[in-house]
Amino acid sequence: MFSVKSGVNTVKEPKLLLTGLRLGVVLLLALALAAGCSGDKDGSGTPGTGDSAGGPDSTDIREIAAMFREAAVRWHHGDKAVLYDLEFEYVRNKYTFDEYLEFKQIKYLEADSLEMLVLKDIEFFDYDSAIAVAEAVFVGPSGDTSYYPDRYRLYYQNDRWIHPTFGTIDYQLEYEDLRRVADSAAAAEAELEDF
């Protein structure tokens, strides 16, 4: 298990101090700690090629931290496209973005008080999925800051880490099986045409 420990000041501060430069500093500290905890020297970025035990490397941790950072910033500003971007492939192929926005699970999600998601802890499974603990930092209308840690299931797909909001792994695996069958049938058909 890789662990990222970054201190977040629990003293109530004005909203302006939590944004901008401080956000960058906190995330840089988290990334630096993540790199130090993993023991990776080559930074190859391919899951399963990092440390001597063959586990994920610090690049995976940096990518996950960056994914959380981007998701929080975009979602805070009302950009729900970030949720669509982090969905499984079958969801993006089956539904348009406009259709996705109409799903009840997505339609009523709001993050206007979310300031950042800070990666706290991560456990990798078979180098293609992980459970991450991230602390959501909220700043309310009165300027009060609250912290809410939560667990997030992550998947490594198409050379990046994603956190689906709507899709499920079972349907993604079914989609991949159907695509493999279709690809095999197309290859067999092409081979017959060559004769």
Protein backbone atom coordinates (compact mmCIF):
# COMPACT_ATOMS: atom_id res chain seq x y z
CA MET A 1 0.00 0.00 0.00
CA PHE A 2 1.27 3.44 -0.89
CA SER A 3 0.40 6.23 1.45
CA VAL A 4 0.42 9.94 0.83
CA LYS A 5 0.32 12.04 3.97
CA SER A 6 -0.13 15.77 3.49
CA GLY A 7 -1.15 18.03 6.29
CA VAL A 8 -4.09 20.31 5.74
CA ASN A 9 -4.47 23.20 8.15
CA THR A 10 -7.69 22.71 10.08
CA VAL A 11 -7.84 26.31 11.28
CA LYS A 12 -10.66 28.23 9.63
CA GLU A 13 -9.21 30.62 7.08
CA PRO A 14 -10.70 33.04 4.58
CA LYS A 15 -11.75 31.51 1.28
CA LEU A 16 -9.11 33.39 -0.69
CA LEU A 17 -6.27 31.64 1.13
CA LEU A 18 -7.58 28.21 0.16
CA THR A 19 -7.57 28.92 -3.52
CA GLY A 20 -4.93 29.82 -6.05
CA LEU A 21 -1.40 29.63 -4.75
CA ARG A 22 -2.23 27.62 -1.63
CA LEU A 23 -3.99 24.97 -3.70
CA GLY A 24 -0.88 24.63 -5.84
CA VAL A 25 1.41 24.44 -2.80
CA VAL A 26 -0.72 21.77 -1.08
CA LEU A 27 -0.87 19.67 -4.24
CA LEU A 28 2.87 20.04 -4.88
CA LEU A 29 3.57 18.90 -1.31
CA ALA A 30 1.26 15.91 -1.78
CA LEU A 31 3.03 14.99 -5.02
CA ALA A 32 6.46 15.36 -3.44
CA LEU A 33 5.43 13.14 -0.53
CA ALA A 34 3.93 10.62 -2.93
CA ALA A 35 7.17 10.45 -4.89
CA GLY A 36 9.16 10.02 -1.70
CA CYS A 37 6.93 7.26 -0.36
CA SER A 38 7.00 5.09 -3.44
CA GLY A 39 10.73 4.60 -3.77
CA ASP A 40 10.50 4.73 -7.58
CA LYS A 41 13.67 5.92 -9.30
CA ASP A 42 12.81 5.61 -12.98
CA GLY A 43 9.34 7.23 -13.12
CA SER A 44 8.29 5.00 -16.01
CA GLY A 45 4.54 5.58 -15.58
CA THR A 46 3.33 2.14 -16.63
CA PRO A 47 1.29 0.40 -13.93
CA GLY A 48 3.13 -2.57 -12.53
CA THR A 49 6.64 -1.45 -13.52
CA GLY A 50 7.59 0.78 -10.62
CA ASP A 51 9.11 -0.62 -7.44
CA SER A 52 11.13 -3.77 -6.99
CA ALA A 53 8.01 -5.74 -6.02
CA GLY A 54 6.52 -5.00 -9.45
CA GLY A 55 3.80 -2.67 -8.12
CA PRO A 56 2.62 0.68 -9.34
CA ASP A 57 5.14 3.50 -9.22
CA SER A 58 5.09 7.12 -8.13
CA THR A 59 3.92 8.18 -11.58
CA ASP A 60 0.61 6.42 -10.92
CA ILE A 61 0.23 8.30 -7.66
CA ARG A 62 1.05 11.61 -9.35
CA GLU A 63 -1.46 10.89 -12.13
CA ILE A 64 -4.19 10.07 -9.61
CA ALA A 65 -3.46 13.21 -7.57
CA ALA A 66 -3.57 15.27 -10.78
CA MET A 67 -6.86 13.61 -11.79
CA PHE A 68 -8.40 14.55 -8.43
CA ARG A 69 -7.05 18.10 -8.69
CA GLU A 70 -8.43 18.62 -12.21
CA ALA A 71 -11.78 17.05 -11.34
CA ALA A 72 -12.22 19.29 -8.28
CA VAL A 73 -11.30 22.49 -10.11
CA ARG A 74 -13.44 21.80 -13.18
CA TRP A 75 -16.42 20.52 -11.21
CA HIS A 76 -16.22 23.46 -8.77
CA HIS A 77 -16.68 25.77 -11.75
CA GLY A 78 -19.71 23.82 -13.00
CA ASP A 79 -17.94 21.78 -15.68
CA LYS A 80 -19.68 18.40 -15.49
CA ALA A 81 -17.80 17.32 -18.61
CA VAL A 82 -15.02 16.26 -16.23
CA LEU A 83 -17.35 13.57 -14.86
CA TYR A 84 -18.09 12.38 -18.41
CA ASP A 85 -14.34 12.36 -19.20
CA LEU A 86 -13.73 10.07 -16.22
CA GLU A 87 -16.41 7.54 -17.19
CA PHE A 88 -15.88 4.08 -18.61
CA GLU A 89 -15.51 3.80 -22.37
CA TYR A 90 -18.85 2.00 -22.79
CA VAL A 91 -20.71 4.94 -21.21
CA ARG A 92 -19.06 7.50 -23.50
CA ASN A 93 -19.75 5.31 -26.55
CA LYS A 94 -23.37 4.59 -25.65
CA TYR A 95 -24.49 8.02 -24.44
CA THR A 96 -23.83 11.51 -25.70
CA PHE A 97 -22.72 14.13 -23.20
CA ASP A 98 -26.20 15.73 -23.31
CA GLU A 99 -27.84 12.38 -22.53
CA TYR A 100 -25.34 11.82 -19.72
CA LEU A 101 -26.26 15.16 -18.14
CA GLU A 102 -29.89 14.03 -17.91
CA PHE A 103 -29.15 10.98 -15.72
CA LYS A 104 -30.53 11.50 -12.23
CA GLN A 105 -27.17 10.56 -10.68
CA ILE A 106 -25.49 13.36 -12.65
CA LYS A 107 -28.20 15.97 -13.07
CA TYR A 108 -28.42 16.98 -9.43
CA LEU A 109 -24.73 16.76 -8.53
CA GLU A 110 -23.29 20.12 -7.51
CA ALA A 111 -19.84 21.03 -6.30
CA ASP A 112 -19.90 24.80 -5.98
CA SER A 113 -18.48 24.67 -2.45
CA LEU A 114 -15.82 22.02 -3.28
CA GLU A 115 -12.39 23.66 -3.28
CA MET A 116 -10.10 20.66 -3.70
CA LEU A 117 -9.67 16.90 -3.38
CA VAL A 118 -6.46 15.96 -1.58
CA LEU A 119 -5.14 12.41 -2.02
CA LYS A 120 -4.48 10.90 1.41
CA ASP A 121 -4.00 7.17 0.88
CA ILE A 122 -4.12 4.68 -1.96
CA GLU A 123 -4.16 0.91 -2.33
CA PHE A 124 -3.60 -0.66 -5.76
CA PHE A 125 -5.15 -3.93 -6.93
CA ASP A 126 -3.64 -5.93 -9.81
CA TYR A 127 -2.19 -2.67 -11.17
CA ASP A 128 -5.39 -1.81 -13.02
CA SER A 129 -7.61 -0.63 -10.18
CA ALA A 130 -7.21 1.09 -6.85
CA ILE A 131 -9.05 2.43 -3.85
CA ALA A 132 -8.03 5.97 -3.00
CA VAL A 133 -8.89 7.93 0.10
CA ALA A 134 -9.17 11.60 -0.74
CA GLU A 135 -10.21 14.44 1.48
CA ALA A 136 -12.72 16.83 -0.02
CA VAL A 137 -12.21 20.40 1.18
CA PHE A 138 -15.41 22.46 1.18
CA VAL A 139 -15.75 26.18 1.81
CA GLY A 140 -19.28 27.24 2.63
CA PRO A 141 -20.96 30.57 1.88
CA SER A 142 -19.92 31.90 5.29
CA GLY A 143 -16.28 31.01 4.65
CA ASP A 144 -16.27 28.03 7.01
CA THR A 145 -14.02 25.21 5.86
CA SER A 146 -15.00 21.57 6.29
CA TYR A 147 -13.16 18.39 5.40
CA TYR A 148 -14.77 15.16 4.28
CA PRO A 149 -12.64 12.07 3.59
CA ASP A 150 -14.14 9.52 1.24
CA ARG A 151 -13.10 6.37 -0.63
CA TYR A 152 -12.99 6.37 -4.42
CA ARG A 153 -12.72 3.33 -6.69
CA LEU A 154 -10.31 4.04 -9.56
CA TYR A 155 -9.58 2.11 -12.75
CA TYR A 156 -6.67 2.27 -15.18
CA GLN A 157 -8.09 2.39 -18.69
CA ASN A 158 -6.75 3.67 -21.99
CA ASP A 159 -3.43 4.74 -20.40
CA ARG A 160 -4.98 6.85 -17.65
CA TRP A 161 -6.67 6.59 -14.26
CA ILE A 162 -10.43 7.23 -14.14
CA HIS A 163 -13.13 7.46 -11.49
CA PRO A 164 -16.53 6.62 -13.04
CA THR A 165 -19.57 8.28 -11.46
CA PHE A 166 -22.27 6.46 -13.44
CA GLY A 167 -20.72 3.40 -15.09
CA THR A 168 -19.88 0.04 -13.54
CA ILE A 169 -16.94 -2.30 -14.11
CA ASP A 170 -19.26 -5.24 -14.89
CA TYR A 171 -20.79 -3.45 -17.88
CA GLN A 172 -17.34 -2.27 -19.00
CA LEU A 173 -16.00 -5.85 -18.95
CA GLU A 174 -19.05 -7.02 -20.90
CA TYR A 175 -18.46 -4.23 -23.43
CA GLU A 176 -14.80 -5.26 -23.81
CA ASP A 177 -15.79 -8.92 -24.36
CA LEU A 178 -18.28 -7.93 -27.06
CA ARG A 179 -15.69 -5.70 -28.72
CA ARG A 180 -13.14 -8.56 -28.73
CA VAL A 181 -15.68 -10.89 -30.35
CA ALA A 182 -16.55 -8.26 -32.96
CA ASP A 183 -12.87 -7.57 -33.67
CA SER A 184 -12.20 -11.32 -34.07
CA ALA A 185 -15.15 -11.70 -36.43
CA ALA A 186 -14.02 -8.71 -38.49
CA ALA A 187 -10.46 -10.09 -38.69
CA ALA A 188 -11.77 -13.52 -39.77
CA GLU A 189 -13.98 -11.91 -42.40
CA ALA A 190 -11.07 -9.85 -43.73
CA GLU A 191 -8.92 -12.99 -43.88
CA LEU A 192 -11.60 -14.79 -45.93
CA GLU A 193 -11.80 -11.85 -48.35
CA ASP A 194 -8.04 -12.11 -48.95
CA PHE A 195 -8.44 -15.66 -50.29
